Amino acid sequence: VSLVAKEIKSKQLTDFAVSTGNPMDAPYINRQ
């Protein structure tokens, strides 16, 4: 279960980082 959850979470975080890496969304994201 943890393996599946870890892979899903990793993919979701990567997709979120890519989708918010633009001048409009970046000011509202805590990048750290």
PDB file of all heavy atoms in Angstrom:
ATOM      1  N   VAL A   1       0.833  -1.204   0.000  1.00  0.00           N
ATOM      2  CA  VAL A   1       0.000   0.000   0.000  1.00  0.00           C
ATOM      3  C   VAL A   1       0.867   1.252   0.000  1.00  0.00           C
ATOM      4  O   VAL A   1       0.619   2.204  -0.736  1.00  0.00           O
ATOM      5  CB  VAL A   1      -0.935   0.001   1.227  1.00  0.00           C
ATOM      6  CG1 VAL A   1      -1.697   1.321   1.315  1.00  0.00           C
ATOM      7  CG2 VAL A   1      -1.907  -1.160   1.146  1.00  0.00           C
ATOM      8  N   SER A   2       1.912   1.241   0.837  1.00  0.00           N
ATOM      9  CA  SER A   2       2.774   2.420   0.922  1.00  0.00           C
ATOM     10  C   SER A   2       3.532   2.642  -0.381  1.00  0.00           C
ATOM     11  O   SER A   2       3.791   3.783  -0.769  1.00  0.00           O
ATOM     12  CB  SER A   2       3.771   2.263   2.074  1.00  0.00           C
ATOM     13  OG  SER A   2       4.643   1.167   1.848  1.00  0.00           O
ATOM     14  N   LEU A   3       3.898   1.545  -1.077  1.00  0.00           N
ATOM     15  CA  LEU A   3       4.588   1.694  -2.360  1.00  0.00           C
ATOM     16  C   LEU A   3       3.690   2.378  -3.380  1.00  0.00           C
ATOM     17  O   LEU A   3       4.101   3.315  -4.066  1.00  0.00           O
ATOM     18  CB  LEU A   3       5.028   0.322  -2.888  1.00  0.00           C
ATOM     19  CG  LEU A   3       5.648   0.309  -4.288  1.00  0.00           C
ATOM     20  CD1 LEU A   3       6.931   1.109  -4.304  1.00  0.00           C
ATOM     21  CD2 LEU A   3       5.891  -1.115  -4.750  1.00  0.00           C
ATOM     22  N   VAL A   4       2.441   1.937  -3.471  1.00  0.00           N
ATOM     23  CA  VAL A   4       1.494   2.538  -4.408  1.00  0.00           C
ATOM     24  C   VAL A   4       1.237   3.996  -4.042  1.00  0.00           C
ATOM     25  O   VAL A   4       1.252   4.890  -4.892  1.00  0.00           O
ATOM     26  CB  VAL A   4       0.176   1.739  -4.418  1.00  0.00           C
ATOM     27  CG1 VAL A   4      -0.845   2.425  -5.314  1.00  0.00           C
ATOM     28  CG2 VAL A   4       0.414   0.308  -4.880  1.00  0.00           C
ATOM     29  N   ALA A   5       1.002   4.235  -2.731  1.00  0.00           N
ATOM     30  CA  ALA A   5       0.725   5.601  -2.281  1.00  0.00           C
ATOM     31  C   ALA A   5       1.914   6.520  -2.547  1.00  0.00           C
ATOM     32  O   ALA A   5       1.749   7.678  -2.950  1.00  0.00           O
ATOM     33  CB  ALA A   5       0.381   5.594  -0.791  1.00  0.00           C
ATOM     34  N   LYS A   6       3.129   6.010  -2.343  1.00  0.00           N
ATOM     35  CA  LYS A   6       4.328   6.825  -2.556  1.00  0.00           C
ATOM     36  C   LYS A   6       4.471   7.199  -4.030  1.00  0.00           C
ATOM     37  O   LYS A   6       4.788   8.350  -4.362  1.00  0.00           O
ATOM     38  CB  LYS A   6       5.560   6.054  -2.086  1.00  0.00           C
ATOM     39  CG  LYS A   6       6.848   6.858  -2.146  1.00  0.00           C
ATOM     40  CD  LYS A   6       8.055   5.990  -1.874  1.00  0.00           C
ATOM     41  CE  LYS A   6       7.999   5.333  -0.522  1.00  0.00           C
ATOM     42  NZ  LYS A   6       9.210   4.532  -0.237  1.00  0.00           N
ATOM     43  N   GLU A   7       4.232   6.227  -4.929  1.00  0.00           N
ATOM     44  CA  GLU A   7       4.368   6.504  -6.353  1.00  0.00           C
ATOM     45  C   GLU A   7       3.308   7.503  -6.817  1.00  0.00           C
ATOM     46  O   GLU A   7       3.590   8.412  -7.598  1.00  0.00           O
ATOM     47  CB  GLU A   7       4.263   5.200  -7.146  1.00  0.00           C
ATOM     48  CG  GLU A   7       5.448   4.277  -6.935  1.00  0.00           C
ATOM     49  CD  GLU A   7       5.296   2.982  -7.687  1.00  0.00           C
ATOM     50  OE1 GLU A   7       4.202   2.747  -8.241  1.00  0.00           O
ATOM     51  OE2 GLU A   7       6.262   2.200  -7.731  1.00  0.00           O
ATOM     52  N   ILE A   8       2.094   7.330  -6.310  1.00  0.00           N
ATOM     53  CA  ILE A   8       1.022   8.254  -6.696  1.00  0.00           C
ATOM     54  C   ILE A   8       1.325   9.656  -6.189  1.00  0.00           C
ATOM     55  O   ILE A   8       1.188  10.649  -6.909  1.00  0.00           O
ATOM     56  CB  ILE A   8      -0.332   7.752  -6.147  1.00  0.00           C
ATOM     57  CG1 ILE A   8      -0.737   6.449  -6.850  1.00  0.00           C
ATOM     58  CG2 ILE A   8      -1.411   8.814  -6.333  1.00  0.00           C
ATOM     59  CD1 ILE A   8      -2.000   5.825  -6.302  1.00  0.00           C
ATOM     60  N   LYS A   9       1.759   9.743  -4.932  1.00  0.00           N
ATOM     61  CA  LYS A   9       2.059  11.054  -4.356  1.00  0.00           C
ATOM     62  C   LYS A   9       3.210  11.727  -5.092  1.00  0.00           C
ATOM     63  O   LYS A   9       3.162  12.934  -5.362  1.00  0.00           O
ATOM     64  CB  LYS A   9       2.398  10.908  -2.877  1.00  0.00           C
ATOM     65  CG  LYS A   9       2.634  12.235  -2.174  1.00  0.00           C
ATOM     66  CD  LYS A   9       2.905  12.042  -0.700  1.00  0.00           C
ATOM     67  CE  LYS A   9       3.126  13.386  -0.006  1.00  0.00           C
ATOM     68  NZ  LYS A   9       3.396  13.215   1.452  1.00  0.00           N
ATOM     69  N   SER A  10       4.255  10.970  -5.429  1.00  0.00           N
ATOM     70  CA  SER A  10       5.399  11.532  -6.142  1.00  0.00           C
ATOM     71  C   SER A  10       4.977  12.098  -7.496  1.00  0.00           C
ATOM     72  O   SER A  10       5.376  13.192  -7.883  1.00  0.00           O
ATOM     73  CB  SER A  10       6.480  10.468  -6.323  1.00  0.00           C
ATOM     74  OG  SER A  10       7.564  10.972  -7.055  1.00  0.00           O
ATOM     75  N   LYS A  11       4.119  11.343  -8.199  1.00  0.00           N
ATOM     76  CA  LYS A  11       3.652  11.813  -9.510  1.00  0.00           C
ATOM     77  C   LYS A  11       2.776  13.055  -9.359  1.00  0.00           C
ATOM     78  O   LYS A  11       2.881  14.007 -10.137  1.00  0.00           O
ATOM     79  CB  LYS A  11       2.870  10.699 -10.213  1.00  0.00           C
ATOM     80  CG  LYS A  11       2.455  11.047 -11.643  1.00  0.00           C
ATOM     81  CD  LYS A  11       1.766   9.875 -12.302  1.00  0.00           C
ATOM     82  CE  LYS A  11       1.466  10.185 -13.762  1.00  0.00           C
ATOM     83  NZ  LYS A  11       0.672  11.413 -13.954  1.00  0.00           N
ATOM     84  N   GLN A  12       1.904  13.060  -8.362  1.00  0.00           N
ATOM     85  CA  GLN A  12       1.039  14.211  -8.151  1.00  0.00           C
ATOM     86  C   GLN A  12       1.855  15.463  -7.824  1.00  0.00           C
ATOM     87  O   GLN A  12       1.561  16.549  -8.334  1.00  0.00           O
ATOM     88  CB  GLN A  12       0.044  13.919  -7.020  1.00  0.00           C
ATOM     89  CG  GLN A  12      -1.027  12.909  -7.387  1.00  0.00           C
ATOM     90  CD  GLN A  12      -1.910  12.555  -6.199  1.00  0.00           C
ATOM     91  OE1 GLN A  12      -1.513  12.711  -5.044  1.00  0.00           O
ATOM     92  NE2 GLN A  12      -3.106  12.071  -6.489  1.00  0.00           N
ATOM     93  N   LEU A  13       2.880  15.322  -6.976  1.00  0.00           N
ATOM     94  CA  LEU A  13       3.706  16.471  -6.618  1.00  0.00           C
ATOM     95  C   LEU A  13       4.463  16.999  -7.833  1.00  0.00           C
ATOM     96  O   LEU A  13       4.594  18.219  -8.018  1.00  0.00           O
ATOM     97  CB  LEU A  13       4.690  16.077  -5.510  1.00  0.00           C
ATOM     98  CG  LEU A  13       4.087  15.871  -4.116  1.00  0.00           C
ATOM     99  CD1 LEU A  13       5.124  15.255  -3.182  1.00  0.00           C
ATOM    100  CD2 LEU A  13       3.589  17.188  -3.547  1.00  0.00           C
ATOM    101  N   THR A  14       4.980  16.091  -8.653  1.00  0.00           N
ATOM    102  CA  THR A  14       5.703  16.517  -9.852  1.00  0.00           C
ATOM    103  C   THR A  14       4.776  17.246 -10.820  1.00  0.00           C
ATOM    104  O   THR A  14       5.127  18.305 -11.366  1.00  0.00           O
ATOM    105  CB  THR A  14       6.347  15.300 -10.542  1.00  0.00           C
ATOM    106  OG1 THR A  14       7.243  14.654  -9.629  1.00  0.00           O
ATOM    107  CG2 THR A  14       7.117  15.721 -11.777  1.00  0.00           C
ATOM    108  N   ASP A  15       3.583  16.680 -11.044  1.00  0.00           N
ATOM    109  CA  ASP A  15       2.618  17.331 -11.943  1.00  0.00           C
ATOM    110  C   ASP A  15       2.217  18.700 -11.399  1.00  0.00           C
ATOM    111  O   ASP A  15       2.078  19.672 -12.175  1.00  0.00           O
ATOM    112  CB  ASP A  15       1.373  16.444 -12.102  1.00  0.00           C
ATOM    113  CG  ASP A  15       1.684  15.151 -12.847  1.00  0.00           C
ATOM    114  OD1 ASP A  15       2.741  15.086 -13.510  1.00  0.00           O
ATOM    115  OD2 ASP A  15       0.866  14.208 -12.759  1.00  0.00           O
ATOM    116  N   PHE A  16       2.035  18.792 -10.095  1.00  0.00           N
ATOM    117  CA  PHE A  16       1.640  20.064  -9.491  1.00  0.00           C
ATOM    118  C   PHE A  16       2.752  21.096  -9.635  1.00  0.00           C
ATOM    119  O   PHE A  16       2.493  22.282  -9.918  1.00  0.00           O
ATOM    120  CB  PHE A  16       1.303  19.849  -8.016  1.00  0.00           C
ATOM    121  CG  PHE A  16       0.805  21.091  -7.313  1.00  0.00           C
ATOM    122  CD1 PHE A  16      -0.478  21.558  -7.531  1.00  0.00           C
ATOM    123  CD2 PHE A  16       1.631  21.781  -6.437  1.00  0.00           C
ATOM    124  CE1 PHE A  16      -0.939  22.704  -6.889  1.00  0.00           C
ATOM    125  CE2 PHE A  16       1.187  22.926  -5.798  1.00  0.00           C
ATOM    126  CZ  PHE A  16      -0.111  23.391  -6.025  1.00  0.00           C
ATOM    127  N   ALA A  17       4.013  20.665  -9.433  1.00  0.00           N
ATOM    128  CA  ALA A  17       5.143  21.589  -9.565  1.00  0.00           C
ATOM    129  C   ALA A  17       5.248  22.122 -10.985  1.00  0.00           C
ATOM    130  O   ALA A  17       5.543  23.301 -11.213  1.00  0.00           O
ATOM    131  CB  ALA A  17       6.436  20.887  -9.156  1.00  0.00           C
ATOM    132  N   VAL A  18       5.002  21.256 -11.968  1.00  0.00           N
ATOM    133  CA  VAL A  18       5.076  21.686 -13.370  1.00  0.00           C
ATOM    134  C   VAL A  18       3.928  22.640 -13.714  1.00  0.00           C
ATOM    135  O   VAL A  18       4.121  23.680 -14.354  1.00  0.00           O
ATOM    136  CB  VAL A  18       5.052  20.456 -14.303  1.00  0.00           C
ATOM    137  CG1 VAL A  18       4.938  20.880 -15.762  1.00  0.00           C
ATOM    138  CG2 VAL A  18       6.306  19.615 -14.103  1.00  0.00           C
ATOM    139  N   SER A  19       2.723  22.302 -13.262  1.00  0.00           N
ATOM    140  CA  SER A  19       1.547  23.115 -13.623  1.00  0.00           C
ATOM    141  C   SER A  19       1.554  24.486 -12.963  1.00  0.00           C
ATOM    142  O   SER A  19       0.928  25.426 -13.469  1.00  0.00           O
ATOM    143  CB  SER A  19       0.264  22.366 -13.253  1.00  0.00           C
ATOM    144  OG  SER A  19       0.174  22.192 -11.846  1.00  0.00           O
ATOM    145  N   THR A  20       2.232  24.616 -11.821  1.00  0.00           N
ATOM    146  CA  THR A  20       2.270  25.909 -11.124  1.00  0.00           C
ATOM    147  C   THR A  20       3.564  26.680 -11.381  1.00  0.00           C
ATOM    148  O   THR A  20       3.797  27.712 -10.762  1.00  0.00           O
ATOM    149  CB  THR A  20       2.102  25.704  -9.609  1.00  0.00           C
ATOM    150  OG1 THR A  20       3.139  24.816  -9.134  1.00  0.00           O
ATOM    151  CG2 THR A  20       0.738  25.121  -9.279  1.00  0.00           C
ATOM    152  N   GLY A  21       4.407  26.172 -12.254  1.00  0.00           N
ATOM    153  CA  GLY A  21       5.670  26.854 -12.542  1.00  0.00           C
ATOM    154  C   GLY A  21       5.512  27.940 -13.586  1.00  0.00           C
ATOM    155  O   GLY A  21       6.255  27.970 -14.580  1.00  0.00           O
ATOM    156  N   ASN A  22       4.543  28.813 -13.421  1.00  0.00           N
ATOM    157  CA  ASN A  22       4.314  29.914 -14.357  1.00  0.00           C
ATOM    158  C   ASN A  22       4.181  31.207 -13.566  1.00  0.00           C
ATOM    159  O   ASN A  22       3.890  31.192 -12.365  1.00  0.00           O
ATOM    160  CB  ASN A  22       3.066  29.662 -15.213  1.00  0.00           C
ATOM    161  CG  ASN A  22       1.812  29.493 -14.353  1.00  0.00           C
ATOM    162  OD1 ASN A  22       1.260  30.483 -13.861  1.00  0.00           O
ATOM    163  ND2 ASN A  22       1.375  28.244 -14.177  1.00  0.00           N
ATOM    164  N   PRO A  23       4.414  32.361 -14.199  1.00  0.00           N
ATOM    165  CA  PRO A  23       4.402  33.643 -13.473  1.00  0.00           C
ATOM    166  C   PRO A  23       3.086  33.940 -12.763  1.00  0.00           C
ATOM    167  O   PRO A  23       3.064  34.637 -11.758  1.00  0.00           O
ATOM    168  CB  PRO A  23       4.675  34.677 -14.577  1.00  0.00           C
ATOM    169  CG  PRO A  23       5.379  33.910 -15.653  1.00  0.00           C
ATOM    170  CD  PRO A  23       4.797  32.533 -15.616  1.00  0.00           C
ATOM    171  N   MET A  24       1.972  33.390 -13.245  1.00  0.00           N
ATOM    172  CA  MET A  24       0.689  33.695 -12.637  1.00  0.00           C
ATOM    173  C   MET A  24       0.480  32.944 -11.326  1.00  0.00           C
ATOM    174  O   MET A  24      -0.020  33.493 -10.337  1.00  0.00           O
ATOM    175  CB  MET A  24      -0.444  33.354 -13.627  1.00  0.00           C
ATOM    176  CG  MET A  24      -1.839  33.717 -13.110  1.00  0.00           C
ATOM    177  SD  MET A  24      -3.112  33.337 -14.319  1.00  0.00           S
ATOM    178  CE  MET A  24      -2.659  34.456 -15.633  1.00  0.00           C
ATOM    179  N   ASP A  25       0.873  31.645 -11.284  1.00  0.00           N
ATOM    180  CA  ASP A  25       0.627  30.807 -10.104  1.00  0.00           C
ATOM    181  C   ASP A  25       1.789  30.806  -9.120  1.00  0.00           C
ATOM    182  O   ASP A  25       1.598  30.555  -7.930  1.00  0.00           O
ATOM    183  CB  ASP A  25       0.348  29.364 -10.541  1.00  0.00           C
ATOM    184  CG  ASP A  25      -0.926  29.242 -11.354  1.00  0.00           C
ATOM    185  OD1 ASP A  25      -1.856  30.033 -11.099  1.00  0.00           O
ATOM    186  OD2 ASP A  25      -0.988  28.368 -12.241  1.00  0.00           O
ATOM    187  N   ALA A  26       2.997  31.037  -9.605  1.00  0.00           N
ATOM    188  CA  ALA A  26       4.187  30.910  -8.753  1.00  0.00           C
ATOM    189  C   ALA A  26       4.138  31.753  -7.486  1.00  0.00           C
ATOM    190  O   ALA A  26       4.553  31.285  -6.416  1.00  0.00           O
ATOM    191  CB  ALA A  26       5.439  31.238  -9.567  1.00  0.00           C
ATOM    192  N   PRO A  27       3.621  33.019  -7.519  1.00  0.00           N
ATOM    193  CA  PRO A  27       3.618  33.819  -6.289  1.00  0.00           C
ATOM    194  C   PRO A  27       2.760  33.219  -5.169  1.00  0.00           C
ATOM    195  O   PRO A  27       2.942  33.580  -4.003  1.00  0.00           O
ATOM    196  CB  PRO A  27       3.057  35.171  -6.756  1.00  0.00           C
ATOM    197  CG  PRO A  27       3.334  35.227  -8.216  1.00  0.00           C
ATOM    198  CD  PRO A  27       3.205  33.829  -8.691  1.00  0.00           C
ATOM    199  N   TYR A  28       1.834  32.326  -5.501  1.00  0.00           N
ATOM    200  CA  TYR A  28       0.932  31.769  -4.497  1.00  0.00           C
ATOM    201  C   TYR A  28       1.377  30.387  -4.004  1.00  0.00           C
ATOM    202  O   TYR A  28       0.664  29.736  -3.244  1.00  0.00           O
ATOM    203  CB  TYR A  28      -0.483  31.655  -5.080  1.00  0.00           C
ATOM    204  CG  TYR A  28      -1.033  32.970  -5.556  1.00  0.00           C
ATOM    205  CD1 TYR A  28      -0.958  33.320  -6.902  1.00  0.00           C
ATOM    206  CD2 TYR A  28      -1.601  33.869  -4.659  1.00  0.00           C
ATOM    207  CE1 TYR A  28      -1.456  34.533  -7.351  1.00  0.00           C
ATOM    208  CE2 TYR A  28      -2.091  35.094  -5.101  1.00  0.00           C
ATOM    209  CZ  TYR A  28      -2.018  35.423  -6.440  1.00  0.00           C
ATOM    210  OH  TYR A  28      -2.494  36.621  -6.876  1.00  0.00           O
ATOM    211  N   ILE A  29       2.551  29.910  -4.432  1.00  0.00           N
ATOM    212  CA  ILE A  29       3.039  28.567  -4.078  1.00  0.00           C
ATOM    213  C   ILE A  29       4.254  28.682  -3.175  1.00  0.00           C
ATOM    214  O   ILE A  29       5.187  29.433  -3.470  1.00  0.00           O
ATOM    215  CB  ILE A  29       3.405  27.759  -5.351  1.00  0.00           C
ATOM    216  CG1 ILE A  29       2.201  27.648  -6.275  1.00  0.00           C
ATOM    217  CG2 ILE A  29       3.912  26.373  -4.957  1.00  0.00           C
ATOM    218  CD1 ILE A  29       0.998  26.957  -5.660  1.00  0.00           C
ATOM    219  N   ASN A  30       4.223  27.937  -2.067  1.00  0.00           N
ATOM    220  CA  ASN A  30       5.389  27.859  -1.188  1.00  0.00           C
ATOM    221  C   ASN A  30       6.342  26.829  -1.791  1.00  0.00           C
ATOM    222  O   ASN A  30       6.209  25.625  -1.568  1.00  0.00           O
ATOM    223  CB  ASN A  30       4.972  27.453   0.222  1.00  0.00           C
ATOM    224  CG  ASN A  30       6.121  27.513   1.228  1.00  0.00           C
ATOM    225  OD1 ASN A  30       7.279  27.342   0.854  1.00  0.00           O
ATOM    226  ND2 ASN A  30       5.799  27.759   2.482  1.00  0.00           N
ATOM    227  N   ARG A  31       7.283  27.319  -2.578  1.00  0.00           N
ATOM    228  CA  ARG A  31       8.150  26.416  -3.342  1.00  0.00           C
ATOM    229  C   ARG A  31       9.045  25.587  -2.421  1.00  0.00           C
ATOM    230  O   ARG A  31       9.371  24.440  -2.721  1.00  0.00           O
ATOM    231  CB  ARG A  31       9.010  27.243  -4.297  1.00  0.00           C
ATOM    232  CG  ARG A  31       9.326  26.521  -5.607  1.00  0.00           C
ATOM    233  CD  ARG A  31       8.075  26.361  -6.437  1.00  0.00           C
ATOM    234  NE  ARG A  31       8.335  25.577  -7.637  1.00  0.00           N
ATOM    235  CZ  ARG A  31       7.400  25.273  -8.530  1.00  0.00           C
ATOM    236  NH1 ARG A  31       6.152  25.652  -8.349  1.00  0.00           N
ATOM    237  NH2 ARG A  31       7.690  24.556  -9.600  1.00  0.00           N
ATOM    238  N   GLN A  32       9.438  26.167  -1.288  1.00  0.00           N
ATOM    239  CA  GLN A  32      10.336  25.434  -0.382  1.00  0.00           C
ATOM    240  C   GLN A  32       9.630  24.196   0.182  1.00  0.00           C
ATOM    241  O   GLN A  32      10.176  23.096   0.196  1.00  0.00           O
ATOM    242  CB  GLN A  32      10.793  26.365   0.750  1.00  0.00           C
ATOM    243  CG  GLN A  32      11.877  25.790   1.645  1.00  0.00           C
ATOM    244  CD  GLN A  32      11.306  24.977   2.806  1.00  0.00           C
ATOM    245  OE1 GLN A  32      10.170  25.198   3.210  1.00  0.00           O
ATOM    246  NE2 GLN A  32      12.092  24.044   3.303  1.00  0.00           N
TER     247      GLN A  32
END
